[in-house]
C-alpha atoms as a PDB file:
ATOM      1  CA  MET A   1      98.784 227.906 150.892  1.00  0.00           C
ATOM      2  CA  LYS A   2      98.914 225.907 154.096  1.00  0.00           C
ATOM      3  CA  LYS A   3      97.986 222.757 152.237  1.00  0.00           C
ATOM      4  CA  ILE A   4     100.700 223.370 149.640  1.00  0.00           C
ATOM      5  CA  PHE A   5     103.290 224.078 152.348  1.00  0.00           C
ATOM      6  CA  LEU A   6     102.273 220.938 154.283  1.00  0.00           C
ATOM      7  CA  CYS A   7     102.533 218.764 151.148  1.00  0.00           C
ATOM      8  CA  CYS A   8     105.994 220.160 150.418  1.00  0.00           C
ATOM      9  CA  LEU A   9     107.094 219.481 153.993  1.00  0.00           C
ATOM     10  CA  ILE A  10     105.892 215.846 153.821  1.00  0.00           C
ATOM     11  CA  ALA A  11     107.620 215.342 150.463  1.00  0.00           C
ATOM     12  CA  LEU A  12     110.844 216.766 151.884  1.00  0.00           C
ATOM     13  CA  SER A  13     110.642 214.391 154.884  1.00  0.00           C
ATOM     14  CA  VAL A  14     110.148 211.352 152.646  1.00  0.00           C
ATOM     15  CA  CYS A  15     113.031 212.445 150.459  1.00  0.00           C
ATOM     16  CA  THR A  16     115.305 212.861 153.493  1.00  0.00           C
ATOM     17  CA  VAL A  17     114.510 209.341 154.802  1.00  0.00           C
ATOM     18  CA  SER A  18     115.210 207.756 151.420  1.00  0.00           C
ATOM     19  CA  TYR A  19     118.354 209.858 151.039  1.00  0.00           C
ATOM     20  CA  GLY A  20     119.722 208.630 154.395  1.00  0.00           C
ATOM     21  CA  ALA A  21     119.146 204.940 153.695  1.00  0.00           C
ATOM     22  CA  CYS A  22     122.478 204.732 151.866  1.00  0.00           C
ATOM     23  CA  PRO A  23     125.551 206.194 153.596  1.00  0.00           C
ATOM     24  CA  HIS A  24     127.150 206.832 150.170  1.00  0.00           C
ATOM     25  CA  HIS A  25     124.218 208.950 148.975  1.00  0.00           C
ATOM     26  CA  GLY A  26     124.361 210.873 145.766  1.00  0.00           C
ATOM     27  CA  SER A  27     127.112 208.777 144.176  1.00  0.00           C
ATOM     28  CA  CYS A  28     125.827 205.428 145.483  1.00  0.00           C
ATOM     29  CA  ALA A  29     125.572 203.811 142.066  1.00  0.00           C
ATOM     30  CA  HIS A  30     129.225 204.537 141.310  1.00  0.00           C
ATOM     31  CA  ASN A  31     131.247 204.822 144.530  1.00  0.00           C
ATOM     32  CA  HIS A  32     130.382 201.465 146.088  1.00  0.00           C
ATOM     33  CA  ALA A  33     128.490 199.592 143.410  1.00  0.00           C
ATOM     34  CA  PRO A  34     130.652 196.483 143.975  1.00  0.00           C
ATOM     35  CA  TYR A  35     129.302 196.276 147.536  1.00  0.00           C
ATOM     36  CA  HIS A  36     125.818 195.786 146.122  1.00  0.00           C
ATOM     37  CA  GLY A  37     126.900 192.654 144.260  1.00  0.00           C
ATOM     38  CA  ASN A  38     125.915 189.131 145.212  1.00  0.00           C
ATOM     39  CA  ARG A  39     129.009 188.342 147.208  1.00  0.00           C
ATOM     40  CA  PRO A  40     129.860 191.044 149.746  1.00  0.00           C
ATOM     41  CA  CYS A  41     126.569 192.915 150.180  1.00  0.00           C
ATOM     42  CA  HIS A  42     123.370 191.812 151.888  1.00  0.00           C
ATOM     43  CA  SER A  43     120.256 193.179 153.561  1.00  0.00           C
ATOM     44  CA  SER A  44     119.714 193.648 157.271  1.00  0.00           C
ATOM     45  CA  SER A  45     117.384 191.329 159.175  1.00  0.00           C
ATOM     46  CA  GLY A  46     114.546 193.756 158.667  1.00  0.00           C
ATOM     47  CA  GLY A  47     115.082 193.641 154.920  1.00  0.00           C
ATOM     48  CA  SER A  48     114.708 197.425 154.513  1.00  0.00           C
ATOM     49  CA  ASN A  49     118.263 198.745 154.929  1.00  0.00           C
ATOM     50  CA  GLN A  50     121.238 197.756 152.800  1.00  0.00           C
ATOM     51  CA  VAL A  51     124.222 196.425 154.734  1.00  0.00           C
ATOM     52  CA  TYR A  52     127.526 197.328 153.117  1.00  0.00           C
ATOM     53  CA  VAL A  53     131.194 196.380 153.425  1.00  0.00           C
ATOM     54  CA  VAL A  54     133.272 198.550 155.765  1.00  0.00           C
ATOM     55  CA  GLY A  55     136.517 196.609 155.440  1.00  0.00           C
ATOM     56  CA  GLN A  56     138.143 193.402 154.347  1.00  0.00           C
ATOM     57  CA  ASN A  57     141.136 191.224 155.216  1.00  0.00           C
ATOM     58  CA  PHE A  58     143.143 189.002 152.924  1.00  0.00           C
ATOM     59  CA  SER A  59     145.232 185.978 153.899  1.00  0.00           C
ATOM     60  CA  LYS A  60     147.206 183.416 151.938  1.00  0.00           C
ATOM     61  CA  THR A  61     148.408 180.139 153.449  1.00  0.00           C
ATOM     62  CA  GLU A  62     150.172 177.055 152.174  1.00  0.00           C
ATOM     63  CA  GLN A  63     148.813 173.784 153.549  1.00  0.00           C
ATOM     64  CA  LYS A  64     150.097 170.230 153.362  1.00  0.00           C
ATOM     65  CA  PHE A  65     147.820 167.202 153.176  1.00  0.00           C
ATOM     66  CA  PRO A  66     148.144 164.476 155.854  1.00  0.00           C
ATOM     67  CA  ASN A  67     150.076 161.400 154.648  1.00  0.00           C
ATOM     68  CA  CYS A  68     150.923 163.085 151.344  1.00  0.00           C
ATOM     69  CA  THR A  69     154.313 164.313 150.148  1.00  0.00           C
ATOM     70  CA  LYS A  70     153.335 164.688 146.486  1.00  0.00           C
ATOM     71  CA  HIS A  71     150.896 167.592 146.736  1.00  0.00           C
ATOM     72  CA  TYR A  72     150.143 170.753 148.668  1.00  0.00           C
ATOM     73  CA  MET A  73     147.454 173.421 148.635  1.00  0.00           C
ATOM     74  CA  VAL A  74     147.431 177.210 148.721  1.00  0.00           C
ATOM     75  CA  VAL A  75     144.340 178.816 150.253  1.00  0.00           C
ATOM     76  CA  GLU A  76     143.511 182.470 149.641  1.00  0.00           C
ATOM     77  CA  THR A  77     140.817 183.845 151.954  1.00  0.00           C
ATOM     78  CA  VAL A  78     139.024 187.194 151.855  1.00  0.00           C
ATOM     79  CA  THR A  79     137.039 188.154 154.961  1.00  0.00           C
ATOM     80  CA  TYR A  80     134.421 190.863 154.453  1.00  0.00           C
ATOM     81  CA  HIS A  81     133.398 193.032 157.434  1.00  0.00           C
ATOM     82  CA  TYR A  82     129.895 194.524 157.211  1.00  0.00           C
ATOM     83  CA  SER A  83     128.326 197.654 158.608  1.00  0.00           C
ATOM     84  CA  ASP A  84     126.030 195.623 160.888  1.00  0.00           C
ATOM     85  CA  GLY A  85     129.021 194.008 162.635  1.00  0.00           C
ATOM     86  CA  SER A  86     128.781 190.677 160.789  1.00  0.00           C
ATOM     87  CA  ARG A  87     131.477 189.163 158.613  1.00  0.00           C
ATOM     88  CA  ARG A  88     131.834 186.484 155.969  1.00  0.00           C
ATOM     89  CA  SER A  89     134.841 184.664 154.553  1.00  0.00           C
ATOM     90  CA  VAL A  90     135.294 183.430 150.981  1.00  0.00           C
ATOM     91  CA  SER A  91     138.127 181.004 150.182  1.00  0.00           C
ATOM     92  CA  ASN A  92     139.800 180.099 146.915  1.00  0.00           C
ATOM     93  CA  CYS A  93     141.957 176.952 146.868  1.00  0.00           C
ATOM     94  CA  THR A  94     144.603 175.791 144.416  1.00  0.00           C
ATOM     95  CA  VAL A  95     146.128 172.307 144.581  1.00  0.00           C
ATOM     96  CA  TYR A  96     149.704 171.915 143.334  1.00  0.00           C
ATOM     97  CA  ASN A  97     151.930 169.002 142.498  1.00  0.00           C
ATOM     98  CA  ASN A  98     155.305 169.019 144.235  1.00  0.00           C
ATOM     99  CA  ASP A  99     156.982 170.434 141.114  1.00  0.00           C
ATOM    100  CA  GLY A 100     154.732 173.511 141.346  1.00  0.00           C
ATOM    101  CA  THR A 101     152.369 172.642 138.504  1.00  0.00           C
ATOM    102  CA  VAL A 102     148.691 173.274 139.131  1.00  0.00           C
ATOM    103  CA  LEU A 103     146.496 170.223 139.609  1.00  0.00           C
ATOM    104  CA  VAL A 104     143.237 172.106 140.135  1.00  0.00           C
ATOM    105  CA  GLU A 105     142.404 175.723 140.957  1.00  0.00           C
ATOM    106  CA  GLY A 106     139.447 177.938 141.784  1.00  0.00           C
ATOM    107  CA  CYS A 107     137.776 175.527 144.213  1.00  0.00           C
ATOM    108  CA  SER A 108     136.288 176.357 147.600  1.00  0.00           C
ATOM    109  CA  SER A 109     137.844 173.277 149.251  1.00  0.00           C
ATOM    110  CA  ALA A 110     139.934 170.200 148.459  1.00  0.00           C
ATOM    111  CA  LYS A 111     140.440 167.064 150.550  1.00  0.00           C
ATOM    112  CA  HIS A 112     143.066 164.413 149.919  1.00  0.00           C
ATOM    113  CA  ILE A 113     142.428 160.644 149.937  1.00  0.00           C
ATOM    114  CA  LEU A 114     145.159 157.996 149.873  1.00  0.00           C
ATOM    115  CA  TYR A 115     144.011 154.491 148.980  1.00  0.00           C
ATOM    116  CA  GLU A 116     146.225 151.591 147.863  1.00  0.00           C
ATOM    117  CA  ASN A 117     149.079 154.075 147.255  1.00  0.00           C
ATOM    118  CA  LYS A 118     146.910 156.098 144.869  1.00  0.00           C
ATOM    119  CA  HIS A 119     146.020 159.742 145.432  1.00  0.00           C
ATOM    120  CA  PHE A 120     142.514 161.140 145.042  1.00  0.00           C
ATOM    121  CA  PHE A 121     140.959 164.511 145.817  1.00  0.00           C
ATOM    122  CA  ILE A 122     137.450 165.554 146.794  1.00  0.00           C
ATOM    123  CA  ILE A 123     136.983 168.879 145.005  1.00  0.00           C
ATOM    124  CA  CYS A 124     134.192 171.317 145.817  1.00  0.00           C
ATOM    125  CA  LYS A 125     133.716 173.795 142.986  1.00  0.00           C
ATOM    126  CA  GLY A 126     130.101 174.512 142.146  1.00  0.00           C
ATOM    127  CA  GLY A 127     129.325 171.160 143.771  1.00  0.00           C
ATOM    128  CA  CYS A 128     131.602 168.295 144.778  1.00  0.00           C
ATOM    129  CA  TYR A 129     133.297 165.637 142.669  1.00  0.00           C
ATOM    130  CA  LEU A 130     136.311 163.309 142.707  1.00  0.00           C
ATOM    131  CA  ILE A 131     139.561 163.558 140.704  1.00  0.00           C
ATOM    132  CA  ASP A 132     142.759 161.508 140.536  1.00  0.00           C
ATOM    133  CA  ASP A 133     146.247 162.965 140.993  1.00  0.00           C
ATOM    134  CA  ASN A 134     146.491 163.722 137.285  1.00  0.00           C
ATOM    135  CA  GLY A 135     143.475 165.991 137.528  1.00  0.00           C
ATOM    136  CA  ASN A 136     141.198 163.550 135.704  1.00  0.00           C
ATOM    137  CA  ARG A 137     137.627 163.601 136.917  1.00  0.00           C
ATOM    138  CA  ILE A 138     136.462 160.243 138.291  1.00  0.00           C
ATOM    139  CA  THR A 139     132.854 160.855 139.282  1.00  0.00           C
ATOM    140  CA  GLN A 140     130.481 161.570 136.423  1.00  0.00           C
ATOM    141  CA  LYS A 141     127.923 163.135 138.736  1.00  0.00           C
ATOM    142  CA  THR A 142     128.296 166.258 140.838  1.00  0.00           C
ATOM    143  CA  TYR A 143     127.230 165.942 144.475  1.00  0.00           C
ATOM    144  CA  SER A 144     126.122 168.401 147.133  1.00  0.00           C
ATOM    145  CA  SER A 145     128.671 166.865 149.515  1.00  0.00           C
ATOM    146  CA  ILE A 146     131.206 164.042 149.618  1.00  0.00           C
ATOM    147  CA  ARG A 147     132.817 162.683 152.784  1.00  0.00           C
ATOM    148  CA  GLU A 148     135.239 159.789 153.224  1.00  0.00           C
ATOM    149  CA  PHE A 149     134.421 157.727 156.312  1.00  0.00           C
ATOM    150  CA  LYS A 150     136.476 154.579 155.682  1.00  0.00           C
ATOM    151  CA  PRO A 151     138.880 153.354 152.961  1.00  0.00           C
ATOM    152  CA  ASN A 152     137.164 153.235 149.564  1.00  0.00           C
ATOM    153  CA  ARG A 153     133.840 154.356 150.999  1.00  0.00           C
ATOM    154  CA  LEU A 154     132.355 157.825 150.547  1.00  0.00           C
ATOM    155  CA  ILE A 155     129.140 159.220 151.973  1.00  0.00           C
ATOM    156  CA  VAL A 156     127.559 161.392 149.269  1.00  0.00           C
ATOM    157  CA  LYS A 157     124.537 163.662 149.058  1.00  0.00           C
ATOM    158  CA  ARG A 158     122.714 164.512 145.837  1.00  0.00           C
ATOM    159  CA  ASP A 159     119.240 165.958 145.294  1.00  0.00           C
ATOM    160  CA  LYS A 160     118.760 165.973 149.086  1.00  0.00           C
ATOM    161  CA  ARG A 161     119.337 162.202 149.289  1.00  0.00           C
ATOM    162  CA  TYR A 162     122.196 160.288 150.885  1.00  0.00           C
ATOM    163  CA  GLY A 163     124.021 157.101 150.002  1.00  0.00           C
ATOM    164  CA  ILE A 164     127.486 155.519 149.727  1.00  0.00           C
ATOM    165  CA  ILE A 165     129.786 155.120 146.720  1.00  0.00           C
ATOM    166  CA  ASP A 166     133.333 153.808 146.307  1.00  0.00           C
ATOM    167  CA  LEU A 167     136.268 155.567 144.635  1.00  0.00           C
ATOM    168  CA  LYS A 168     135.146 154.312 141.221  1.00  0.00           C
ATOM    169  CA  GLU A 169     131.635 155.750 141.784  1.00  0.00           C
ATOM    170  CA  ASN A 170     130.107 152.320 142.143  1.00  0.00           C
ATOM    171  CA  ILE A 171     126.942 152.670 144.238  1.00  0.00           C
ATOM    172  CA  ILE A 172     127.248 150.702 147.475  1.00  0.00           C
ATOM    173  CA  VAL A 173     124.238 152.113 149.339  1.00  0.00           C
ATOM    174  CA  PRO A 174     121.566 153.627 147.048  1.00  0.00           C
ATOM    175  CA  LEU A 175     121.167 157.403 147.210  1.00  0.00           C
ATOM    176  CA  LYS A 176     117.638 157.364 148.553  1.00  0.00           C
ATOM    177  CA  TYR A 177     117.808 158.270 152.237  1.00  0.00           C
ATOM    178  CA  GLN A 178     116.593 161.613 153.570  1.00  0.00           C
ATOM    179  CA  LYS A 179     118.696 161.249 156.735  1.00  0.00           C
ATOM    180  CA  PHE A 180     121.965 159.364 157.082  1.00  0.00           C
ATOM    181  CA  ILE A 181     123.388 159.538 160.609  1.00  0.00           C
ATOM    182  CA  THR A 182     126.715 157.879 161.387  1.00  0.00           C
ATOM    183  CA  GLU A 183     126.337 155.741 164.495  1.00  0.00           C
ATOM    184  CA  GLY A 184     128.259 153.039 166.298  1.00  0.00           C
ATOM    185  CA  ASN A 185     130.708 150.778 164.493  1.00  0.00           C
ATOM    186  CA  GLY A 186     130.242 151.866 160.877  1.00  0.00           C
ATOM    187  CA  ILE A 187     126.453 151.709 160.814  1.00  0.00           C
ATOM    188  CA  PHE A 188     123.961 154.394 159.858  1.00  0.00           C
ATOM    189  CA  ILE A 189     120.582 155.444 161.186  1.00  0.00           C
ATOM    190  CA  THR A 190     118.529 156.245 158.091  1.00  0.00           C
ATOM    191  CA  LYS A 191     115.252 157.968 157.321  1.00  0.00           C
ATOM    192  CA  LEU A 192     113.217 156.947 154.273  1.00  0.00           C
ATOM    193  CA  ASN A 193     109.815 158.488 153.513  1.00  0.00           C
ATOM    194  CA  GLY A 194     109.285 159.416 157.148  1.00  0.00           C
ATOM    195  CA  TYR A 195     110.345 156.091 158.729  1.00  0.00           C
ATOM    196  CA  TRP A 196     113.631 155.125 160.362  1.00  0.00           C
ATOM    197  CA  GLY A 197     115.939 152.146 159.919  1.00  0.00           C
ATOM    198  CA  ILE A 198     119.568 151.014 160.234  1.00  0.00           C
ATOM    199  CA  VAL A 199     121.943 150.040 157.413  1.00  0.00           C
ATOM    200  CA  ASP A 200     125.665 149.217 157.371  1.00  0.00           C
ATOM    201  CA  SER A 201     128.316 150.455 154.929  1.00  0.00           C
ATOM    202  CA  GLU A 202     127.810 147.426 152.650  1.00  0.00           C
ATOM    203  CA  ASN A 203     124.040 147.999 152.315  1.00  0.00           C
ATOM    204  CA  ASN A 204     123.046 145.236 154.717  1.00  0.00           C
ATOM    205  CA  ILE A 205     119.664 146.232 156.169  1.00  0.00           C
ATOM    206  CA  LEU A 206     119.944 145.720 159.931  1.00  0.00           C
ATOM    207  CA  VAL A 207     116.622 147.330 160.828  1.00  0.00           C
ATOM    208  CA  LYS A 208     113.973 147.932 158.181  1.00  0.00           C
ATOM    209  CA  ASN A 209     112.749 151.486 157.560  1.00  0.00           C
ATOM    210  CA  ASP A 210     109.422 150.951 159.286  1.00  0.00           C
ATOM    211  CA  CYS A 211     110.185 152.475 162.701  1.00  0.00           C
ATOM    212  CA  GLU A 212     108.741 155.653 164.184  1.00  0.00           C
ATOM    213  CA  LYS A 213     111.972 156.477 165.994  1.00  0.00           C
ATOM    214  CA  ILE A 214     115.591 155.348 166.142  1.00  0.00           C
ATOM    215  CA  LYS A 215     118.197 157.260 168.126  1.00  0.00           C
ATOM    216  CA  SER A 216     121.294 156.684 170.232  1.00  0.00           C
ATOM    217  CA  ILE A 217     120.822 156.288 173.966  1.00  0.00           C
ATOM    218  CA  LEU A 218     124.117 156.073 175.867  1.00  0.00           C
ATOM    219  CA  ASP A 219     126.048 153.182 174.253  1.00  0.00           C
ATOM    220  CA  THR A 220     122.992 151.582 172.665  1.00  0.00           C
ATOM    221  CA  ILE A 221     120.420 152.457 170.003  1.00  0.00           C
ATOM    222  CA  LEU A 222     116.777 152.974 170.929  1.00  0.00           C
ATOM    223  CA  ILE A 223     114.181 151.653 168.473  1.00  0.00           C
ATOM    224  CA  LYS A 224     110.454 152.424 168.477  1.00  0.00           C
ATOM    225  CA  ARG A 225     108.080 150.511 166.219  1.00  0.00           C
ATOM    226  CA  TYR A 226     104.255 150.395 166.502  1.00  0.00           C
ATOM    227  CA  ASN A 227     104.579 152.169 169.882  1.00  0.00           C
ATOM    228  CA  LYS A 228     106.770 149.413 171.306  1.00  0.00           C
ATOM    229  CA  TYR A 229     110.430 149.847 172.238  1.00  0.00           C
ATOM    230  CA  GLY A 230     113.607 147.820 171.886  1.00  0.00           C
ATOM    231  CA  LEU A 231     117.384 148.241 171.939  1.00  0.00           C
ATOM    232  CA  ALA A 232     120.211 147.468 169.535  1.00  0.00           C
ATOM    233  CA  ASP A 233     123.950 147.518 170.207  1.00  0.00           C
ATOM    234  CA  LEU A 234     126.385 149.752 168.303  1.00  0.00           C
ATOM    235  CA  ASN A 235     126.735 147.068 165.618  1.00  0.00           C
ATOM    236  CA  GLY A 236     123.003 147.300 164.896  1.00  0.00           C
ATOM    237  CA  LYS A 237     122.260 143.919 166.485  1.00  0.00           C
ATOM    238  CA  ILE A 238     118.989 143.730 168.424  1.00  0.00           C
ATOM    239  CA  ILE A 239     119.722 143.031 172.098  1.00  0.00           C
ATOM    240  CA  TYR A 240     116.213 143.695 173.479  1.00  0.00           C
ATOM    241  CA  ASP A 241     113.286 142.827 171.245  1.00  0.00           C
ATOM    242  CA  ILE A 242     110.949 145.615 170.182  1.00  0.00           C
ATOM    243  CA  LYS A 243     108.191 144.638 172.600  1.00  0.00           C
ATOM    244  CA  TYR A 244     108.593 146.832 175.686  1.00  0.00           C
ATOM    245  CA  ASP A 245     106.245 149.614 176.758  1.00  0.00           C
ATOM    246  CA  LYS A 246     108.901 152.254 177.443  1.00  0.00           C
ATOM    247  CA  ILE A 247     112.665 152.702 177.385  1.00  0.00           C
ATOM    248  CA  LYS A 248     114.333 155.840 178.681  1.00  0.00           C
ATOM    249  CA  LYS A 249     117.610 157.157 180.057  1.00  0.00           C
ATOM    250  CA  LEU A 250     118.166 157.883 183.756  1.00  0.00           C
ATOM    251  CA  GLY A 251     121.603 159.371 184.318  1.00  0.00           C
ATOM    252  CA  GLU A 252     124.110 156.777 183.120  1.00  0.00           C
ATOM    253  CA  TYR A 253     121.471 154.034 183.261  1.00  0.00           C
ATOM    254  CA  ILE A 254     118.733 152.811 180.922  1.00  0.00           C
ATOM    255  CA  LEU A 255     115.286 151.999 182.297  1.00  0.00           C
ATOM    256  CA  VAL A 256     112.933 149.523 180.617  1.00  0.00           C
ATOM    257  CA  ARG A 257     109.219 149.202 181.415  1.00  0.00           C
ATOM    258  CA  ASP A 258     107.566 145.861 180.826  1.00  0.00           C
ATOM    259  CA  GLY A 259     103.882 146.139 181.719  1.00  0.00           C
ATOM    260  CA  LYS A 260     103.740 147.871 185.100  1.00  0.00           C
ATOM    261  CA  LYS A 261     107.274 146.975 186.208  1.00  0.00           C
ATOM    262  CA  TRP A 262     110.689 148.471 185.457  1.00  0.00           C
ATOM    263  CA  PHE A 263     114.165 146.995 185.276  1.00  0.00           C
ATOM    264  CA  ALA A 264     117.523 148.742 184.871  1.00  0.00           C
ATOM    265  CA  LEU A 265     120.401 148.374 182.411  1.00  0.00           C
ATOM    266  CA  ASP A 266     123.891 149.812 182.372  1.00  0.00           C
ATOM    267  CA  SER A 267     125.033 152.128 179.559  1.00  0.00           C
ATOM    268  CA  ASP A 268     125.890 149.126 177.321  1.00  0.00           C
ATOM    269  CA  GLY A 269     122.474 147.533 177.757  1.00  0.00           C
ATOM    270  CA  GLU A 270     123.514 144.883 180.282  1.00  0.00           C
ATOM    271  CA  ARG A 271     120.785 144.183 182.818  1.00  0.00           C
ATOM    272  CA  LEU A 272     121.831 145.061 186.384  1.00  0.00           C
ATOM    273  CA  ASN A 273     119.845 142.271 188.083  1.00  0.00           C
ATOM    274  CA  ASP A 274     116.942 139.890 187.523  1.00  0.00           C
ATOM    275  CA  PHE A 275     114.413 141.865 189.547  1.00  0.00           C
ATOM    276  CA  SER A 276     111.757 144.281 188.336  1.00  0.00           C
ATOM    277  CA  TYR A 277     110.416 147.195 190.365  1.00  0.00           C
ATOM    278  CA  LYS A 278     107.341 149.398 190.617  1.00  0.00           C
ATOM    279  CA  LYS A 279     109.539 152.493 190.305  1.00  0.00           C
ATOM    280  CA  ILE A 280     113.234 153.251 189.890  1.00  0.00           C
ATOM    281  CA  LYS A 281     115.047 156.397 191.002  1.00  0.00           C
ATOM    282  CA  LEU A 282     118.577 157.793 191.085  1.00  0.00           C
ATOM    283  CA  GLU A 283     119.850 159.505 194.222  1.00  0.00           C
ATOM    284  CA  ARG A 284     123.430 160.627 194.893  1.00  0.00           C
ATOM    285  CA  ASN A 285     124.659 158.515 191.981  1.00  0.00           C
ATOM    286  CA  THR A 286     123.030 155.396 193.433  1.00  0.00           C
ATOM    287  CA  ILE A 287     120.089 153.705 191.704  1.00  0.00           C
ATOM    288  CA  TYR A 288     117.173 152.360 193.785  1.00  0.00           C
ATOM    289  CA  GLY A 289     114.128 150.265 193.020  1.00  0.00           C
ATOM    290  CA  LEU A 290     110.728 150.301 194.753  1.00  0.00           C
ATOM    291  CA  CYS A 291     109.662 146.780 195.721  1.00  0.00           C
ATOM    292  CA  ASP A 292     106.107 145.497 196.100  1.00  0.00           C
ATOM    293  CA  ASP A 293     106.401 145.967 199.866  1.00  0.00           C
ATOM    294  CA  LYS A 294     107.008 149.677 199.236  1.00  0.00           C
ATOM    295  CA  GLU A 295     110.634 149.472 200.314  1.00  0.00           C
ATOM    296  CA  TRP A 296     113.369 151.164 198.306  1.00  0.00           C
ATOM    297  CA  VAL A 297     116.385 148.926 197.754  1.00  0.00           C
ATOM    298  CA  GLU A 298     119.683 149.580 196.045  1.00  0.00           C
ATOM    299  CA  ILE A 299     119.970 148.013 192.600  1.00  0.00           C
ATOM    300  CA  LYS A 300     123.316 146.277 192.085  1.00  0.00           C
END
């Protein structure tokens, strides 16, 4: 009897735990089934308990596009509040002509482009594409993202690769780069098959993709190739050949090691003086160099 009673007690405990996992027990499948859909419902970080919607807010706003008097957009946003304190917003955008006719609807976002007095829109709706102001689709392909960065030039991402197209979907920079970082005066630090390079918006290769590292350092660009360092300006032009043993930042200065000696540059890469030092330090916003006679002197 004891064994039977103990088994019943354990079964009851298990049943109680399962029963309490859903706050809408008993009628869970019917009373809040929509909360278990793909959009508003999700699991907690532990993955064991269902997180459900406890409230929602709705807003509707009319937005005008910069430099455009021919179109406007209405954005409807639903914000879901969850039982774990988190929240998530879902937006639905509709673009209208000035006469109130619908240009495009049901998109998550729309961005306006004005080029040579013609209107274009970047539409994100199950991916991103380009349309004209008659609603005609311009781009044949659908992209993960599209961003205008200068007139008639769009940075696009597709299949986890970046490149540049124009408003007619002509390819300017091939969609082959794994990283595409905007830097300086319209140039891009790129990553291709694990190696870094620099390209401009017209596909001129400024630095070949054979470098271990390229990154911005103050108002210059640091380049590392075959364990040697160099510097380029913000136009991608090499200003210090890739031959130095180390380049690093010190406050608002750049230090360069050539062999066993260091020299200092300002933030633009201009050398402060013609001397090289055993060590360089920064104290109270003043930079000093250690001379061969072991005397620290101010670098001017």
